[in-house]
Each structure stands twice: as C-alpha cells, then as structure tokens.
Amino acid sequence: MHKALNCMPKGCEYGGIFYKEGDRVKTQDPCLECICDNRHIQCRLKMCPMLPEPPPPSCHILQRPNTCCPRLLCQDG
C-alpha cells in the first residue's frame, strides 16, 4: 500500500498566479497590501497620511488613478 504524497508547493494562488510564501500578492485594489502567509492571502488596508483640508495656498490635492493615497502638491516659489 502506498501513501499519497502531498506534492502541492507551499504558497498561494490568486488570479491565476502562484505566489511563494512571503511574496507580496498584487490585487486590483491599490489600498490593499497583501502577502502569501501559510497558504492563505493576508491583507491589510494601507494607511494614508492626513492632508490639510483645505490645502494651503498654491497647493492642491492630487489623487492619481490606481493609487490609494492622495498627495499634496505645492508650487515652488
């Protein structure tokens, strides 16, 4: 009698991509930071810095597509 061997590599699969233990897992949500941990994908929300509201004179808040946190942009001078 033969024992069945578990030949599954240790890691995670997400979106058809295999990730090794400890690898960062890219998701469609730019505000999630995910890693492969013990064959599970563990995620946490990114913390964005507080920005002044309203922005100071000659500054504006910029939110780029596919990014999580807005940035404060100010003109020099």
N, C-alpha and C. Protein backbone atom coordinates (compact mmCIF):
# COMPACT_ATOMS: atom_id res chain seq x y z
N MET A 1 0.85 -1.18 0.00
CA MET A 1 0.00 0.00 0.00
C MET A 1 0.90 1.24 0.00
N HIS A 2 0.61 2.18 -0.89
CA HIS A 2 1.39 3.41 -0.99
C HIS A 2 0.63 4.55 -0.34
N LYS A 3 1.39 5.40 0.34
CA LYS A 3 0.79 6.61 0.91
C LYS A 3 0.74 7.68 -0.17
N ALA A 4 -0.32 8.46 -0.16
CA ALA A 4 -0.42 9.59 -1.09
C ALA A 4 0.52 10.69 -0.60
N LEU A 5 1.29 11.22 -1.51
CA LEU A 5 2.21 12.30 -1.15
C LEU A 5 1.57 13.63 -1.49
N ASN A 6 1.77 14.58 -0.60
CA ASN A 6 1.27 15.92 -0.86
C ASN A 6 2.35 16.66 -1.63
N CYS A 7 2.16 16.80 -2.91
CA CYS A 7 3.15 17.44 -3.77
C CYS A 7 2.81 18.90 -4.05
N MET A 8 1.80 19.41 -3.40
CA MET A 8 1.43 20.81 -3.60
C MET A 8 2.53 21.70 -3.06
N PRO A 9 3.01 22.64 -3.86
CA PRO A 9 4.02 23.56 -3.35
C PRO A 9 3.40 24.48 -2.30
N LYS A 10 4.21 24.90 -1.34
CA LYS A 10 3.71 25.78 -0.30
C LYS A 10 3.62 27.18 -0.86
N GLY A 11 2.44 27.73 -0.83
CA GLY A 11 2.23 29.07 -1.37
C GLY A 11 0.75 29.35 -1.54
N CYS A 12 0.43 30.34 -2.37
CA CYS A 12 -0.94 30.79 -2.58
C CYS A 12 -1.17 31.03 -4.06
N GLU A 13 -2.42 30.91 -4.47
CA GLU A 13 -2.80 31.24 -5.83
C GLU A 13 -3.86 32.33 -5.78
N TYR A 14 -3.66 33.35 -6.60
CA TYR A 14 -4.64 34.44 -6.68
C TYR A 14 -4.66 34.94 -8.12
N GLY A 15 -5.83 35.00 -8.70
CA GLY A 15 -5.98 35.49 -10.06
C GLY A 15 -5.20 34.68 -11.08
N GLY A 16 -5.06 33.38 -10.83
CA GLY A 16 -4.35 32.51 -11.75
C GLY A 16 -2.84 32.59 -11.63
N ILE A 17 -2.33 33.33 -10.64
CA ILE A 17 -0.89 33.46 -10.42
C ILE A 17 -0.52 32.78 -9.11
N PHE A 18 0.58 32.03 -9.13
CA PHE A 18 1.05 31.35 -7.92
C PHE A 18 2.09 32.23 -7.22
N TYR A 19 1.93 32.39 -5.92
CA TYR A 19 2.84 33.18 -5.10
C TYR A 19 3.49 32.28 -4.05
N LYS A 20 4.80 32.44 -3.85
CA LYS A 20 5.50 31.69 -2.82
C LYS A 20 5.21 32.29 -1.45
N GLU A 21 5.44 31.52 -0.40
CA GLU A 21 5.28 32.01 0.97
C GLU A 21 6.08 33.30 1.15
N GLY A 22 5.45 34.32 1.70
CA GLY A 22 6.11 35.59 1.97
C GLY A 22 6.07 36.57 0.82
N ASP A 23 5.63 36.12 -0.37
CA ASP A 23 5.55 37.03 -1.52
C ASP A 23 4.42 38.03 -1.34
N ARG A 24 4.62 39.23 -1.89
CA ARG A 24 3.53 40.20 -1.95
C ARG A 24 2.57 39.77 -3.04
N VAL A 25 1.28 39.89 -2.76
CA VAL A 25 0.24 39.50 -3.71
C VAL A 25 -0.41 40.77 -4.24
N LYS A 26 -0.35 40.96 -5.55
CA LYS A 26 -0.94 42.15 -6.17
C LYS A 26 -2.43 41.93 -6.41
N THR A 27 -3.23 42.86 -5.92
CA THR A 27 -4.68 42.81 -6.12
C THR A 27 -5.08 44.01 -6.98
N GLN A 28 -6.36 44.07 -7.32
CA GLN A 28 -6.87 45.20 -8.11
C GLN A 28 -7.12 46.43 -7.24
N ASP A 29 -7.08 46.26 -5.93
CA ASP A 29 -7.34 47.37 -5.01
C ASP A 29 -6.01 47.96 -4.55
N PRO A 30 -5.68 49.19 -4.97
CA PRO A 30 -4.39 49.77 -4.59
C PRO A 30 -4.29 50.08 -3.10
N CYS A 31 -5.39 50.02 -2.36
CA CYS A 31 -5.35 50.30 -0.93
C CYS A 31 -5.10 49.04 -0.09
N LEU A 32 -5.00 47.88 -0.74
CA LEU A 32 -4.72 46.64 -0.01
C LEU A 32 -3.26 46.25 -0.15
N GLU A 33 -2.63 45.89 0.97
CA GLU A 33 -1.30 45.31 0.96
C GLU A 33 -1.47 43.85 1.37
N CYS A 34 -1.15 42.93 0.48
CA CYS A 34 -1.40 41.52 0.72
C CYS A 34 -0.11 40.72 0.60
N ILE A 35 -0.02 39.65 1.40
CA ILE A 35 1.09 38.72 1.29
C ILE A 35 0.54 37.30 1.38
N CYS A 36 1.33 36.37 0.86
CA CYS A 36 1.01 34.95 0.97
C CYS A 36 1.60 34.47 2.29
N ASP A 37 0.75 33.96 3.17
CA ASP A 37 1.18 33.54 4.50
C ASP A 37 0.51 32.22 4.87
N ASN A 38 1.31 31.18 4.99
CA ASN A 38 0.81 29.86 5.40
C ASN A 38 -0.34 29.39 4.51
N ARG A 39 -0.13 29.54 3.19
CA ARG A 39 -1.10 29.12 2.16
C ARG A 39 -2.39 29.92 2.15
N HIS A 40 -2.37 31.09 2.80
CA HIS A 40 -3.52 31.99 2.80
C HIS A 40 -3.04 33.38 2.42
N ILE A 41 -3.91 34.14 1.79
CA ILE A 41 -3.58 35.52 1.45
C ILE A 41 -4.09 36.40 2.58
N GLN A 42 -3.16 37.10 3.20
CA GLN A 42 -3.47 38.01 4.30
C GLN A 42 -3.34 39.43 3.78
N CYS A 43 -4.38 40.25 4.01
CA CYS A 43 -4.37 41.63 3.51
C CYS A 43 -4.64 42.60 4.65
N ARG A 44 -4.10 43.80 4.46
CA ARG A 44 -4.41 44.91 5.37
C ARG A 44 -4.54 46.17 4.54
N LEU A 45 -5.32 47.11 5.07
CA LEU A 45 -5.51 48.38 4.38
C LEU A 45 -4.32 49.29 4.61
N LYS A 46 -3.88 49.98 3.55
CA LYS A 46 -2.82 50.97 3.69
C LYS A 46 -3.37 52.15 4.48
N MET A 47 -2.50 52.77 5.25
CA MET A 47 -2.87 53.98 5.98
C MET A 47 -2.33 55.18 5.21
N CYS A 48 -3.20 56.08 4.85
CA CYS A 48 -2.80 57.28 4.11
C CYS A 48 -2.50 58.40 5.11
N PRO A 49 -1.51 59.24 4.78
CA PRO A 49 -1.22 60.37 5.67
C PRO A 49 -2.36 61.39 5.64
N MET A 50 -2.53 62.07 6.75
CA MET A 50 -3.54 63.13 6.82
C MET A 50 -3.05 64.31 5.99
N LEU A 51 -3.94 64.88 5.21
CA LEU A 51 -3.62 66.05 4.40
C LEU A 51 -4.45 67.23 4.89
N PRO A 52 -3.87 68.44 4.80
CA PRO A 52 -4.63 69.61 5.26
C PRO A 52 -5.84 69.87 4.37
N GLU A 53 -6.94 70.18 5.00
CA GLU A 53 -8.17 70.47 4.26
C GLU A 53 -8.74 71.78 4.77
N PRO A 54 -8.79 72.80 4.01
CA PRO A 54 -8.37 72.89 2.62
C PRO A 54 -6.84 72.93 2.51
N PRO A 55 -6.31 72.67 1.31
CA PRO A 55 -4.86 72.73 1.13
C PRO A 55 -4.35 74.17 1.28
N PRO A 56 -3.09 74.32 1.67
CA PRO A 56 -2.51 75.67 1.79
C PRO A 56 -2.52 76.39 0.43
N PRO A 57 -2.35 77.71 0.45
CA PRO A 57 -2.30 78.47 -0.82
C PRO A 57 -1.22 77.91 -1.74
N SER A 58 -1.46 77.93 -3.01
CA SER A 58 -0.60 77.43 -4.09
C SER A 58 -0.35 75.92 -4.00
N CYS A 59 -1.20 75.21 -3.30
CA CYS A 59 -1.12 73.74 -3.22
C CYS A 59 -2.46 73.15 -3.64
N HIS A 60 -2.41 71.91 -4.07
CA HIS A 60 -3.65 71.18 -4.34
C HIS A 60 -3.45 69.70 -4.02
N ILE A 61 -4.54 69.03 -3.83
CA ILE A 61 -4.52 67.60 -3.53
C ILE A 61 -4.72 66.84 -4.83
N LEU A 62 -3.83 65.89 -5.09
CA LEU A 62 -3.86 65.11 -6.32
C LEU A 62 -4.12 63.64 -5.99
N GLN A 63 -5.15 63.08 -6.62
CA GLN A 63 -5.46 61.66 -6.50
C GLN A 63 -5.27 61.03 -7.87
N ARG A 64 -4.21 60.27 -8.04
CA ARG A 64 -3.93 59.63 -9.33
C ARG A 64 -4.71 58.34 -9.45
N PRO A 65 -5.09 57.97 -10.69
CA PRO A 65 -5.79 56.70 -10.89
C PRO A 65 -4.92 55.53 -10.44
N ASN A 66 -5.55 54.51 -9.92
CA ASN A 66 -4.88 53.27 -9.48
C ASN A 66 -3.88 53.48 -8.36
N THR A 67 -4.06 54.55 -7.58
CA THR A 67 -3.26 54.75 -6.37
C THR A 67 -4.20 54.86 -5.19
N CYS A 68 -3.69 54.56 -4.03
CA CYS A 68 -4.55 54.58 -2.85
C CYS A 68 -4.61 55.97 -2.22
N CYS A 69 -3.46 56.54 -1.95
CA CYS A 69 -3.40 57.76 -1.16
C CYS A 69 -3.23 59.01 -2.04
N PRO A 70 -4.01 60.04 -1.76
CA PRO A 70 -3.80 61.30 -2.46
C PRO A 70 -2.51 61.96 -1.97
N ARG A 71 -2.00 62.89 -2.78
CA ARG A 71 -0.78 63.62 -2.42
C ARG A 71 -1.03 65.10 -2.45
N LEU A 72 -0.27 65.81 -1.63
CA LEU A 72 -0.34 67.25 -1.62
C LEU A 72 0.76 67.80 -2.52
N LEU A 73 0.39 68.55 -3.54
CA LEU A 73 1.35 69.13 -4.46
C LEU A 73 1.33 70.64 -4.32
N CYS A 74 2.52 71.21 -4.14
CA CYS A 74 2.63 72.65 -3.97
C CYS A 74 3.60 73.20 -4.99
N GLN A 75 3.33 74.41 -5.47
CA GLN A 75 4.23 75.08 -6.40
C GLN A 75 5.37 75.69 -5.62
N ASP A 76 6.58 75.57 -6.14
CA ASP A 76 7.74 76.20 -5.51
C ASP A 76 7.74 77.68 -5.79
N GLY A 77 8.16 78.44 -4.80
CA GLY A 77 8.33 79.87 -5.03
C GLY A 77 7.14 80.63 -4.60
